[in-house]
Amino acid sequence: MSLLAWIPLVEPLPGGIHGWWAWVVPMVVGVSVTWKAIRLRTLDRYWPEVFRMSGQLLVGMAALAAGLMLLVRVVLPLLPAD
């Protein structure tokens, strides 16, 4: 498929990276570092708070992914097709 036939936001980019999910962890850590640097009044417990927030975000995203997978693979096939 050439890029001339690519429809953005509908089809994935041809030849895109296959390990896109590996970028989730650096993104989450970057968001946590920035958020905690702005929101904490003192930096005494900065790194423990960053790791705690990163873990919460990763667990939340994994729970959302599991819930959506359950919805798509179990609940939606049970709905009537009318």
N, C-alpha and C. Protein backbone atom coordinates (compact mmCIF):
# COMPACT_ATOMS: atom_id res chain seq x y z
N MET A 1 0.84 -1.17 0.00
CA MET A 1 0.00 0.00 0.00
C MET A 1 0.88 1.23 0.00
N SER A 2 0.61 2.16 -0.89
CA SER A 2 1.40 3.38 -0.93
C SER A 2 0.82 4.41 0.02
N LEU A 3 1.60 5.42 0.34
CA LEU A 3 1.12 6.46 1.23
C LEU A 3 0.04 7.32 0.59
N LEU A 4 -0.08 7.28 -0.73
CA LEU A 4 -1.13 8.05 -1.40
C LEU A 4 -2.51 7.50 -1.07
N ALA A 5 -2.60 6.22 -0.78
CA ALA A 5 -3.89 5.61 -0.47
C ALA A 5 -4.16 5.55 1.03
N TRP A 6 -3.28 6.11 1.85
CA TRP A 6 -3.43 6.05 3.30
C TRP A 6 -4.45 7.07 3.78
N ILE A 7 -5.39 6.65 4.60
CA ILE A 7 -6.40 7.54 5.16
C ILE A 7 -6.05 7.77 6.64
N PRO A 8 -5.56 8.96 6.99
CA PRO A 8 -5.18 9.22 8.38
C PRO A 8 -6.38 9.07 9.33
N LEU A 9 -6.11 8.65 10.56
CA LEU A 9 -7.08 8.46 11.63
C LEU A 9 -8.06 7.32 11.37
N VAL A 10 -7.97 6.65 10.22
CA VAL A 10 -8.82 5.51 9.94
C VAL A 10 -7.98 4.24 9.83
N GLU A 11 -6.83 4.35 9.18
CA GLU A 11 -5.93 3.21 9.01
C GLU A 11 -4.61 3.50 9.70
N PRO A 12 -3.95 2.48 10.21
CA PRO A 12 -2.63 2.71 10.80
C PRO A 12 -1.63 3.09 9.71
N LEU A 13 -0.61 3.81 10.10
CA LEU A 13 0.43 4.22 9.16
C LEU A 13 1.16 2.98 8.64
N PRO A 14 1.24 2.83 7.33
CA PRO A 14 1.93 1.65 6.80
C PRO A 14 3.42 1.67 7.17
N GLY A 15 3.90 0.53 7.60
CA GLY A 15 5.30 0.44 7.98
C GLY A 15 5.59 1.12 9.31
N GLY A 16 4.54 1.39 10.08
CA GLY A 16 4.72 2.02 11.38
C GLY A 16 5.49 1.12 12.33
N ILE A 17 5.89 1.66 13.47
CA ILE A 17 6.66 0.85 14.39
C ILE A 17 5.80 -0.24 14.99
N HIS A 18 6.35 -1.41 15.17
CA HIS A 18 5.60 -2.54 15.68
C HIS A 18 5.62 -2.61 17.20
N GLY A 19 6.56 -1.94 17.81
CA GLY A 19 6.64 -1.94 19.27
C GLY A 19 6.14 -0.64 19.87
N TRP A 20 5.03 -0.12 19.34
CA TRP A 20 4.51 1.16 19.81
C TRP A 20 4.16 1.11 21.30
N TRP A 21 3.76 -0.05 21.79
CA TRP A 21 3.35 -0.18 23.18
C TRP A 21 4.52 0.02 24.14
N ALA A 22 5.76 -0.15 23.65
CA ALA A 22 6.92 0.03 24.52
C ALA A 22 7.14 1.49 24.87
N TRP A 23 6.55 2.40 24.11
CA TRP A 23 6.69 3.82 24.39
C TRP A 23 5.74 4.29 25.48
N VAL A 24 4.87 3.42 25.97
CA VAL A 24 3.93 3.81 27.02
C VAL A 24 4.68 4.11 28.31
N VAL A 25 5.63 3.30 28.68
CA VAL A 25 6.34 3.48 29.95
C VAL A 25 7.13 4.80 29.97
N PRO A 26 7.94 5.13 28.95
CA PRO A 26 8.62 6.44 29.00
C PRO A 26 7.64 7.61 28.99
N MET A 27 6.53 7.48 28.29
CA MET A 27 5.54 8.55 28.28
C MET A 27 4.94 8.75 29.67
N VAL A 28 4.60 7.65 30.33
CA VAL A 28 4.00 7.73 31.66
C VAL A 28 5.00 8.33 32.65
N VAL A 29 6.25 7.90 32.59
CA VAL A 29 7.26 8.45 33.50
C VAL A 29 7.47 9.94 33.23
N GLY A 30 7.50 10.34 31.97
CA GLY A 30 7.66 11.75 31.63
C GLY A 30 6.51 12.61 32.14
N VAL A 31 5.30 12.11 31.99
CA VAL A 31 4.13 12.85 32.50
C VAL A 31 4.20 12.94 34.02
N SER A 32 4.56 11.85 34.68
CA SER A 32 4.63 11.84 36.14
C SER A 32 5.71 12.78 36.66
N VAL A 33 6.88 12.78 36.03
CA VAL A 33 7.97 13.66 36.44
C VAL A 33 7.54 15.12 36.32
N THR A 34 6.92 15.45 35.20
CA THR A 34 6.50 16.83 34.98
C THR A 34 5.39 17.22 35.94
N TRP A 35 4.39 16.37 36.09
CA TRP A 35 3.25 16.69 36.95
C TRP A 35 3.69 16.87 38.40
N LYS A 36 4.50 15.96 38.89
CA LYS A 36 4.92 16.05 40.29
C LYS A 36 5.87 17.23 40.53
N ALA A 37 6.67 17.58 39.53
CA ALA A 37 7.55 18.75 39.68
C ALA A 37 6.75 20.03 39.82
N ILE A 38 5.61 20.09 39.18
CA ILE A 38 4.78 21.28 39.24
C ILE A 38 3.89 21.28 40.48
N ARG A 39 3.33 20.12 40.85
CA ARG A 39 2.31 20.08 41.88
C ARG A 39 2.83 19.95 43.32
N LEU A 40 4.00 19.37 43.53
CA LEU A 40 4.49 19.20 44.90
C LEU A 40 5.02 20.51 45.44
N ARG A 41 4.72 20.79 46.71
CA ARG A 41 5.21 22.02 47.34
C ARG A 41 6.70 21.91 47.70
N THR A 42 7.08 20.73 48.19
CA THR A 42 8.49 20.48 48.47
C THR A 42 8.91 19.22 47.73
N LEU A 43 10.17 19.11 47.43
CA LEU A 43 10.67 17.98 46.67
C LEU A 43 11.28 16.89 47.55
N ASP A 44 10.85 16.85 48.81
CA ASP A 44 11.38 15.86 49.75
C ASP A 44 11.04 14.43 49.30
N ARG A 45 9.83 14.22 48.88
CA ARG A 45 9.39 12.88 48.48
C ARG A 45 9.10 12.84 46.99
N TYR A 46 9.89 13.52 46.20
CA TYR A 46 9.65 13.66 44.77
C TYR A 46 9.68 12.32 44.04
N TRP A 47 10.78 11.59 44.13
CA TRP A 47 10.91 10.34 43.37
C TRP A 47 9.95 9.26 43.82
N PRO A 48 9.72 9.07 45.12
CA PRO A 48 8.69 8.08 45.48
C PRO A 48 7.31 8.45 44.93
N GLU A 49 6.98 9.73 44.92
CA GLU A 49 5.69 10.15 44.37
C GLU A 49 5.64 9.96 42.85
N VAL A 50 6.76 10.19 42.17
CA VAL A 50 6.81 9.98 40.72
C VAL A 50 6.60 8.51 40.40
N PHE A 51 7.28 7.61 41.11
CA PHE A 51 7.12 6.18 40.85
C PHE A 51 5.73 5.69 41.22
N ARG A 52 5.17 6.26 42.28
CA ARG A 52 3.81 5.88 42.68
C ARG A 52 2.80 6.30 41.60
N MET A 53 2.92 7.53 41.11
CA MET A 53 2.00 7.99 40.08
C MET A 53 2.19 7.21 38.78
N SER A 54 3.44 6.89 38.43
CA SER A 54 3.70 6.10 37.22
C SER A 54 3.05 4.73 37.34
N GLY A 55 3.17 4.11 38.48
CA GLY A 55 2.53 2.81 38.70
C GLY A 55 1.02 2.89 38.62
N GLN A 56 0.45 3.94 39.20
CA GLN A 56 -1.00 4.11 39.14
C GLN A 56 -1.47 4.29 37.69
N LEU A 57 -0.74 5.08 36.92
CA LEU A 57 -1.11 5.29 35.53
C LEU A 57 -1.01 4.00 34.73
N LEU A 58 0.07 3.25 34.92
CA LEU A 58 0.23 1.99 34.19
C LEU A 58 -0.84 0.98 34.56
N VAL A 59 -1.16 0.87 35.84
CA VAL A 59 -2.21 -0.07 36.27
C VAL A 59 -3.56 0.39 35.73
N GLY A 60 -3.82 1.68 35.74
CA GLY A 60 -5.07 2.20 35.20
C GLY A 60 -5.21 1.93 33.72
N MET A 61 -4.14 2.14 32.95
CA MET A 61 -4.20 1.87 31.51
C MET A 61 -4.37 0.38 31.24
N ALA A 62 -3.72 -0.47 32.03
CA ALA A 62 -3.87 -1.91 31.85
C ALA A 62 -5.30 -2.34 32.18
N ALA A 63 -5.89 -1.75 33.22
CA ALA A 63 -7.27 -2.08 33.58
C ALA A 63 -8.24 -1.63 32.49
N LEU A 64 -8.01 -0.43 31.94
CA LEU A 64 -8.86 0.04 30.84
C LEU A 64 -8.73 -0.86 29.62
N ALA A 65 -7.52 -1.27 29.30
CA ALA A 65 -7.31 -2.15 28.15
C ALA A 65 -8.00 -3.50 28.38
N ALA A 66 -7.90 -4.05 29.58
CA ALA A 66 -8.55 -5.33 29.88
C ALA A 66 -10.06 -5.18 29.81
N GLY A 67 -10.59 -4.09 30.32
CA GLY A 67 -12.03 -3.86 30.26
C GLY A 67 -12.53 -3.71 28.84
N LEU A 68 -11.80 -2.98 28.01
CA LEU A 68 -12.20 -2.84 26.61
C LEU A 68 -12.10 -4.16 25.86
N MET A 69 -11.06 -4.94 26.16
CA MET A 69 -10.93 -6.24 25.51
C MET A 69 -12.09 -7.16 25.92
N LEU A 70 -12.46 -7.13 27.19
CA LEU A 70 -13.60 -7.91 27.65
C LEU A 70 -14.89 -7.45 26.96
N LEU A 71 -15.06 -6.16 26.82
CA LEU A 71 -16.24 -5.63 26.15
C LEU A 71 -16.31 -6.09 24.69
N VAL A 72 -15.20 -5.98 23.98
CA VAL A 72 -15.19 -6.28 22.55
C VAL A 72 -15.27 -7.78 22.29
N ARG A 73 -14.61 -8.59 23.09
CA ARG A 73 -14.56 -10.03 22.81
C ARG A 73 -15.68 -10.84 23.46
N VAL A 74 -16.28 -10.32 24.53
CA VAL A 74 -17.30 -11.10 25.23
C VAL A 74 -18.68 -10.47 25.13
N VAL A 75 -18.79 -9.18 25.46
CA VAL A 75 -20.11 -8.56 25.55
C VAL A 75 -20.68 -8.25 24.18
N LEU A 76 -19.93 -7.63 23.31
CA LEU A 76 -20.45 -7.24 22.00
C LEU A 76 -20.91 -8.42 21.14
N PRO A 77 -20.22 -9.57 21.14
CA PRO A 77 -20.74 -10.70 20.35
C PRO A 77 -22.07 -11.24 20.86
N LEU A 78 -22.42 -10.97 22.11
CA LEU A 78 -23.68 -11.46 22.67
C LEU A 78 -24.86 -10.58 22.28
N LEU A 79 -24.61 -9.36 21.81
CA LEU A 79 -25.69 -8.46 21.45
C LEU A 79 -26.37 -8.92 20.17
N PRO A 80 -27.67 -8.68 20.05
CA PRO A 80 -28.35 -9.08 18.81
C PRO A 80 -27.87 -8.25 17.63
N ALA A 81 -27.86 -8.85 16.45
CA ALA A 81 -27.34 -8.21 15.25
C ALA A 81 -28.39 -7.42 14.50
N ASP A 82 -29.61 -7.34 15.03
CA ASP A 82 -30.69 -6.64 14.31
C ASP A 82 -30.43 -5.17 14.19
